[in-house]
Amino acid sequence: LAVSSCVVIAQFVSELEEYGSWDFSVQAIFLHVGSAANLIVRDVRLLLVVPFQISFGFTSSFVPYYILGTVIAGSSNLGSTYVGLLSALIVLAGSVTAVPASWAANTLGKPLVMCLGGACLAFAGFALLIVSDERLGTWGLIVPYLIVYGIGRGTWENTNKAVIADFYVKTPEESTSAFAAVAFSNGLAGAIGYFTF
């Protein structure tokens, strides 16, 4: 399916004819890395969105590693048998969030949706200050917890990326650097999170 969609895109979408330079020299790589960092410094909008990326990175390492791997797998009520099912619940909640989040972003504004998504990501960590691992590892608490996290994840996957694209609609040459900065910041935070948790 993925290969056939790429063939269709290659045949019928003429805007994708820019193939790049294929220059993989150390100098070229540092130039591109530098352009992403430079854009963060030059464009305060991107700088202000980076904390959301970092929050997502930490949370997206915390929930799979600690919540699924320790709280759910170690729970006497749930156990490792339900890790896969409950992981799917996260993705389902994020997917279902796409339609109402799109409506809310277009009607009420993207900042409101981004704030709600950020609050959902924050909830994933703060919930453990209130509830013990044993209590969270029950059906009655883990399902709402994972749904809230899924809403935060869905916001990151959808509205967040739309915001980045909107920032650079008039300067598409900078959009690659912007998305590189997003990927680097949340990827680095996620890696630090996995080592920390």
C-alpha atoms as a PDB file:
ATOM      1  CA  LEU A   1       0.000   0.000   0.000  1.00  0.00           C
ATOM      2  CA  ALA A   2       2.800   2.427   0.934  1.00  0.00           C
ATOM      3  CA  VAL A   3       4.769   1.645  -2.237  1.00  0.00           C
ATOM      4  CA  SER A   4       1.725   2.038  -4.491  1.00  0.00           C
ATOM      5  CA  SER A   5       0.854   5.406  -2.931  1.00  0.00           C
ATOM      6  CA  CYS A   6       4.437   6.595  -3.515  1.00  0.00           C
ATOM      7  CA  VAL A   7       4.231   5.493  -7.169  1.00  0.00           C
ATOM      8  CA  VAL A   8       0.973   7.424  -7.616  1.00  0.00           C
ATOM      9  CA  ILE A   9       2.483  10.523  -6.014  1.00  0.00           C
ATOM     10  CA  ALA A  10       5.588  10.260  -8.187  1.00  0.00           C
ATOM     11  CA  GLN A  11       3.489   9.948 -11.347  1.00  0.00           C
ATOM     12  CA  PHE A  12       0.799  12.543 -10.753  1.00  0.00           C
ATOM     13  CA  VAL A  13       2.091  15.195  -8.370  1.00  0.00           C
ATOM     14  CA  SER A  14       4.429  17.506 -10.236  1.00  0.00           C
ATOM     15  CA  GLU A  15       5.190  19.743  -7.231  1.00  0.00           C
ATOM     16  CA  LEU A  16       7.387  17.040  -5.729  1.00  0.00           C
ATOM     17  CA  GLU A  17       9.993  17.132  -8.462  1.00  0.00           C
ATOM     18  CA  GLU A  18      12.624  18.755  -6.253  1.00  0.00           C
ATOM     19  CA  TYR A  19      14.931  15.855  -5.505  1.00  0.00           C
ATOM     20  CA  GLY A  20      17.451  17.682  -3.319  1.00  0.00           C
ATOM     21  CA  SER A  21      21.183  17.705  -3.734  1.00  0.00           C
ATOM     22  CA  TRP A  22      21.985  14.225  -2.361  1.00  0.00           C
ATOM     23  CA  ASP A  23      24.910  15.889  -0.636  1.00  0.00           C
ATOM     24  CA  PHE A  24      25.568  13.856   2.513  1.00  0.00           C
ATOM     25  CA  SER A  25      28.858  15.467   3.387  1.00  0.00           C
ATOM     26  CA  VAL A  26      29.514  16.474   6.976  1.00  0.00           C
ATOM     27  CA  GLN A  27      29.452  20.109   5.912  1.00  0.00           C
ATOM     28  CA  ALA A  28      26.016  19.756   4.261  1.00  0.00           C
ATOM     29  CA  ILE A  29      24.577  17.920   7.264  1.00  0.00           C
ATOM     30  CA  PHE A  30      25.783  20.598   9.693  1.00  0.00           C
ATOM     31  CA  LEU A  31      24.414  23.288   7.362  1.00  0.00           C
ATOM     32  CA  HIS A  32      20.929  21.731   7.536  1.00  0.00           C
ATOM     33  CA  VAL A  33      21.103  21.138  11.277  1.00  0.00           C
ATOM     34  CA  GLY A  34      22.233  24.717  11.658  1.00  0.00           C
ATOM     35  CA  SER A  35      19.310  26.011   9.603  1.00  0.00           C
ATOM     36  CA  ALA A  36      16.803  24.328  11.959  1.00  0.00           C
ATOM     37  CA  ALA A  37      18.528  25.798  15.025  1.00  0.00           C
ATOM     38  CA  ASN A  38      18.835  29.164  13.302  1.00  0.00           C
ATOM     39  CA  LEU A  39      15.103  29.197  12.539  1.00  0.00           C
ATOM     40  CA  ILE A  40      14.278  28.573  16.211  1.00  0.00           C
ATOM     41  CA  VAL A  41      16.417  31.566  17.152  1.00  0.00           C
ATOM     42  CA  ARG A  42      15.072  33.823  14.379  1.00  0.00           C
ATOM     43  CA  ASP A  43      11.366  32.966  14.614  1.00  0.00           C
ATOM     44  CA  VAL A  44       9.860  33.438  18.061  1.00  0.00           C
ATOM     45  CA  ARG A  45       6.714  31.549  16.984  1.00  0.00           C
ATOM     46  CA  LEU A  46       8.703  28.358  16.543  1.00  0.00           C
ATOM     47  CA  LEU A  47      10.620  29.008  19.741  1.00  0.00           C
ATOM     48  CA  LEU A  48       7.312  29.271  21.620  1.00  0.00           C
ATOM     49  CA  VAL A  49       6.050  25.968  20.178  1.00  0.00           C
ATOM     50  CA  VAL A  50       9.208  24.021  21.091  1.00  0.00           C
ATOM     51  CA  PRO A  51       8.137  23.521  24.756  1.00  0.00           C
ATOM     52  CA  PHE A  52       5.018  21.714  23.483  1.00  0.00           C
ATOM     53  CA  GLN A  53       7.294  19.433  21.431  1.00  0.00           C
ATOM     54  CA  ILE A  54       9.483  18.748  24.463  1.00  0.00           C
ATOM     55  CA  SER A  55       6.414  18.003  26.600  1.00  0.00           C
ATOM     56  CA  PHE A  56       5.196  15.541  24.018  1.00  0.00           C
ATOM     57  CA  GLY A  57       8.628  13.921  23.828  1.00  0.00           C
ATOM     58  CA  PHE A  58       8.844  13.359  27.573  1.00  0.00           C
ATOM     59  CA  THR A  59       5.254  12.171  27.836  1.00  0.00           C
ATOM     60  CA  SER A  60       5.546   9.861  24.837  1.00  0.00           C
ATOM     61  CA  SER A  61       8.440   8.100  26.534  1.00  0.00           C
ATOM     62  CA  PHE A  62       6.893   8.135  30.015  1.00  0.00           C
ATOM     63  CA  VAL A  63       3.550   6.564  29.115  1.00  0.00           C
ATOM     64  CA  PRO A  64       4.864   3.588  27.113  1.00  0.00           C
ATOM     65  CA  TYR A  65       7.810   2.929  29.392  1.00  0.00           C
ATOM     66  CA  TYR A  66       6.400   3.547  32.844  1.00  0.00           C
ATOM     67  CA  ILE A  67       2.605   3.442  32.573  1.00  0.00           C
ATOM     68  CA  LEU A  68       2.335   0.537  30.142  1.00  0.00           C
ATOM     69  CA  GLY A  69       5.517  -1.260  31.185  1.00  0.00           C
ATOM     70  CA  THR A  70       5.323  -0.849  34.951  1.00  0.00           C
ATOM     71  CA  VAL A  71       1.879   0.285  36.113  1.00  0.00           C
ATOM     72  CA  ILE A  72      -0.234  -1.840  33.768  1.00  0.00           C
ATOM     73  CA  ALA A  73       2.129  -4.799  33.353  1.00  0.00           C
ATOM     74  CA  GLY A  74       2.724  -4.988  37.107  1.00  0.00           C
ATOM     75  CA  SER A  75      -0.912  -4.506  38.082  1.00  0.00           C
ATOM     76  CA  SER A  76      -2.727  -7.367  39.800  1.00  0.00           C
ATOM     77  CA  ASN A  77      -5.963  -6.159  38.135  1.00  0.00           C
ATOM     78  CA  LEU A  78      -4.605  -5.825  34.598  1.00  0.00           C
ATOM     79  CA  GLY A  79      -1.214  -7.427  33.980  1.00  0.00           C
ATOM     80  CA  SER A  80       0.899  -7.626  30.836  1.00  0.00           C
ATOM     81  CA  THR A  81      -1.923  -9.365  28.945  1.00  0.00           C
ATOM     82  CA  TYR A  82      -3.713  -6.030  28.470  1.00  0.00           C
ATOM     83  CA  VAL A  83      -0.732  -3.855  27.502  1.00  0.00           C
ATOM     84  CA  GLY A  84      -1.417  -4.219  23.763  1.00  0.00           C
ATOM     85  CA  LEU A  85      -5.139  -3.534  24.081  1.00  0.00           C
ATOM     86  CA  LEU A  86      -4.600  -0.480  26.245  1.00  0.00           C
ATOM     87  CA  SER A  87      -1.875   0.792  23.880  1.00  0.00           C
ATOM     88  CA  ALA A  88      -4.422   0.638  21.075  1.00  0.00           C
ATOM     89  CA  LEU A  89      -6.797   2.723  23.193  1.00  0.00           C
ATOM     90  CA  ILE A  90      -4.264   5.573  23.134  1.00  0.00           C
ATOM     91  CA  VAL A  91      -4.099   5.533  19.342  1.00  0.00           C
ATOM     92  CA  LEU A  92      -7.877   5.231  19.043  1.00  0.00           C
ATOM     93  CA  ALA A  93      -8.434   8.204  21.356  1.00  0.00           C
ATOM     94  CA  GLY A  94      -5.945  10.276  19.342  1.00  0.00           C
ATOM     95  CA  SER A  95      -7.619   9.319  16.066  1.00  0.00           C
ATOM     96  CA  VAL A  96     -11.127  10.043  17.303  1.00  0.00           C
ATOM     97  CA  THR A  97      -9.879  13.407  18.584  1.00  0.00           C
ATOM     98  CA  ALA A  98      -8.955  14.535  15.051  1.00  0.00           C
ATOM     99  CA  VAL A  99     -12.482  15.475  13.912  1.00  0.00           C
ATOM    100  CA  PRO A 100     -13.641  17.474  16.971  1.00  0.00           C
ATOM    101  CA  ALA A 101     -10.179  19.046  17.289  1.00  0.00           C
ATOM    102  CA  SER A 102     -10.356  20.164  13.665  1.00  0.00           C
ATOM    103  CA  TRP A 103     -13.783  21.691  14.236  1.00  0.00           C
ATOM    104  CA  ALA A 104     -12.634  23.391  17.443  1.00  0.00           C
ATOM    105  CA  ALA A 105      -9.444  24.700  15.799  1.00  0.00           C
ATOM    106  CA  ASN A 106     -11.397  26.164  12.879  1.00  0.00           C
ATOM    107  CA  THR A 107     -14.203  27.543  15.061  1.00  0.00           C
ATOM    108  CA  LEU A 108     -12.526  28.553  18.318  1.00  0.00           C
ATOM    109  CA  GLY A 109      -8.911  28.805  17.203  1.00  0.00           C
ATOM    110  CA  LYS A 110      -5.857  26.596  17.235  1.00  0.00           C
ATOM    111  CA  PRO A 111      -4.399  28.138  20.429  1.00  0.00           C
ATOM    112  CA  LEU A 112      -7.317  26.780  22.468  1.00  0.00           C
ATOM    113  CA  VAL A 113      -6.870  23.287  21.044  1.00  0.00           C
ATOM    114  CA  MET A 114      -3.108  23.419  21.610  1.00  0.00           C
ATOM    115  CA  CYS A 115      -3.654  24.487  25.244  1.00  0.00           C
ATOM    116  CA  LEU A 116      -6.123  21.650  25.784  1.00  0.00           C
ATOM    117  CA  GLY A 117      -3.662  19.165  24.263  1.00  0.00           C
ATOM    118  CA  GLY A 118      -0.865  20.519  26.426  1.00  0.00           C
ATOM    119  CA  ALA A 119      -3.043  20.155  29.520  1.00  0.00           C
ATOM    120  CA  CYS A 120      -3.749  16.535  28.564  1.00  0.00           C
ATOM    121  CA  LEU A 121      -0.019  15.847  28.237  1.00  0.00           C
ATOM    122  CA  ALA A 122       0.635  17.513  31.610  1.00  0.00           C
ATOM    123  CA  PHE A 123      -2.125  15.419  33.176  1.00  0.00           C
ATOM    124  CA  ALA A 124      -0.225  12.265  32.196  1.00  0.00           C
ATOM    125  CA  GLY A 125       2.516  13.181  34.647  1.00  0.00           C
ATOM    126  CA  PHE A 126       0.601  15.058  37.318  1.00  0.00           C
ATOM    127  CA  ALA A 127      -1.925  12.249  37.760  1.00  0.00           C
ATOM    128  CA  LEU A 128       0.760  10.176  39.463  1.00  0.00           C
ATOM    129  CA  LEU A 129       1.168  12.863  42.121  1.00  0.00           C
ATOM    130  CA  ILE A 130      -2.438  12.241  43.139  1.00  0.00           C
ATOM    131  CA  VAL A 131      -2.977   8.535  42.471  1.00  0.00           C
ATOM    132  CA  SER A 132      -0.749   5.616  43.422  1.00  0.00           C
ATOM    133  CA  ASP A 133       0.505   3.131  40.835  1.00  0.00           C
ATOM    134  CA  GLU A 134      -1.717   0.449  42.353  1.00  0.00           C
ATOM    135  CA  ARG A 135      -4.887   2.553  42.037  1.00  0.00           C
ATOM    136  CA  LEU A 136      -3.980   3.724  38.537  1.00  0.00           C
ATOM    137  CA  GLY A 137      -3.506   0.097  37.527  1.00  0.00           C
ATOM    138  CA  THR A 138      -7.256  -0.568  37.617  1.00  0.00           C
ATOM    139  CA  TRP A 139      -9.741  -0.511  34.770  1.00  0.00           C
ATOM    140  CA  GLY A 140     -11.694   2.381  36.281  1.00  0.00           C
ATOM    141  CA  LEU A 141      -8.705   4.734  36.286  1.00  0.00           C
ATOM    142  CA  ILE A 142      -6.382   3.534  33.548  1.00  0.00           C
ATOM    143  CA  VAL A 143      -8.953   3.802  30.744  1.00  0.00           C
ATOM    144  CA  PRO A 144      -9.759   7.516  31.372  1.00  0.00           C
ATOM    145  CA  TYR A 145      -6.050   8.193  31.959  1.00  0.00           C
ATOM    146  CA  LEU A 146      -5.066   6.694  28.598  1.00  0.00           C
ATOM    147  CA  ILE A 147      -7.930   8.463  26.805  1.00  0.00           C
ATOM    148  CA  VAL A 148      -6.774  11.828  28.167  1.00  0.00           C
ATOM    149  CA  TYR A 149      -3.201  11.048  27.119  1.00  0.00           C
ATOM    150  CA  GLY A 150      -4.517   9.958  23.705  1.00  0.00           C
ATOM    151  CA  ILE A 151      -6.240  13.334  23.293  1.00  0.00           C
ATOM    152  CA  GLY A 152      -2.928  15.058  24.025  1.00  0.00           C
ATOM    153  CA  ARG A 153      -1.147  12.789  21.569  1.00  0.00           C
ATOM    154  CA  GLY A 154      -3.817  13.410  18.928  1.00  0.00           C
ATOM    155  CA  THR A 155      -3.414  17.145  19.394  1.00  0.00           C
ATOM    156  CA  TRP A 156       0.330  16.814  18.841  1.00  0.00           C
ATOM    157  CA  GLU A 157      -0.168  14.642  15.759  1.00  0.00           C
ATOM    158  CA  ASN A 158      -2.799  16.880  14.175  1.00  0.00           C
ATOM    159  CA  THR A 159      -3.262  20.463  15.354  1.00  0.00           C
ATOM    160  CA  ASN A 160       0.372  20.945  16.342  1.00  0.00           C
ATOM    161  CA  LYS A 161       1.596  19.986  12.878  1.00  0.00           C
ATOM    162  CA  ALA A 162      -1.062  22.158  11.249  1.00  0.00           C
ATOM    163  CA  VAL A 163       0.173  25.109  13.312  1.00  0.00           C
ATOM    164  CA  ILE A 164       3.753  24.522  12.141  1.00  0.00           C
ATOM    165  CA  ALA A 165       2.585  24.268   8.529  1.00  0.00           C
ATOM    166  CA  ASP A 166       0.539  27.472   8.911  1.00  0.00           C
ATOM    167  CA  PHE A 167       3.576  29.350  10.209  1.00  0.00           C
ATOM    168  CA  TYR A 168       5.478  28.706   6.976  1.00  0.00           C
ATOM    169  CA  VAL A 169       2.771  28.637   4.324  1.00  0.00           C
ATOM    170  CA  LYS A 170       4.302  31.714   2.648  1.00  0.00           C
ATOM    171  CA  THR A 171       7.896  30.523   3.089  1.00  0.00           C
ATOM    172  CA  PRO A 172       7.844  26.813   2.259  1.00  0.00           C
ATOM    173  CA  GLU A 173      11.646  26.682   2.092  1.00  0.00           C
ATOM    174  CA  GLU A 174      11.643  27.194   5.878  1.00  0.00           C
ATOM    175  CA  SER A 175       9.020  24.535   6.586  1.00  0.00           C
ATOM    176  CA  THR A 176      11.592  21.737   6.279  1.00  0.00           C
ATOM    177  CA  SER A 177      13.762  23.392   8.923  1.00  0.00           C
ATOM    178  CA  ALA A 178      10.706  23.964  11.130  1.00  0.00           C
ATOM    179  CA  PHE A 179       9.620  20.333  10.983  1.00  0.00           C
ATOM    180  CA  ALA A 180      13.230  19.258  11.563  1.00  0.00           C
ATOM    181  CA  ALA A 181      13.302  21.406  14.709  1.00  0.00           C
ATOM    182  CA  VAL A 182      10.022  19.837  15.856  1.00  0.00           C
ATOM    183  CA  ALA A 183      11.268  16.301  15.224  1.00  0.00           C
ATOM    184  CA  PHE A 184      14.626  16.971  16.877  1.00  0.00           C
ATOM    185  CA  SER A 185      13.196  18.629  19.999  1.00  0.00           C
ATOM    186  CA  ASN A 186      10.567  15.975  20.720  1.00  0.00           C
ATOM    187  CA  GLY A 187      12.910  13.140  19.728  1.00  0.00           C
ATOM    188  CA  LEU A 188      15.666  14.383  22.024  1.00  0.00           C
ATOM    189  CA  ALA A 189      13.204  14.842  24.898  1.00  0.00           C
ATOM    190  CA  GLY A 190      11.830  11.345  24.293  1.00  0.00           C
ATOM    191  CA  ALA A 191      15.317   9.822  24.317  1.00  0.00           C
ATOM    192  CA  ILE A 192      16.189  11.649  27.540  1.00  0.00           C
ATOM    193  CA  GLY A 193      12.883  10.442  28.986  1.00  0.00           C
ATOM    194  CA  TYR A 194      13.577   6.803  28.164  1.00  0.00           C
ATOM    195  CA  PHE A 195      17.001   7.023  29.818  1.00  0.00           C
ATOM    196  CA  THR A 196      15.529   8.816  32.846  1.00  0.00           C
ATOM    197  CA  PHE A 197      12.406   6.767  33.461  1.00  0.00           C
END
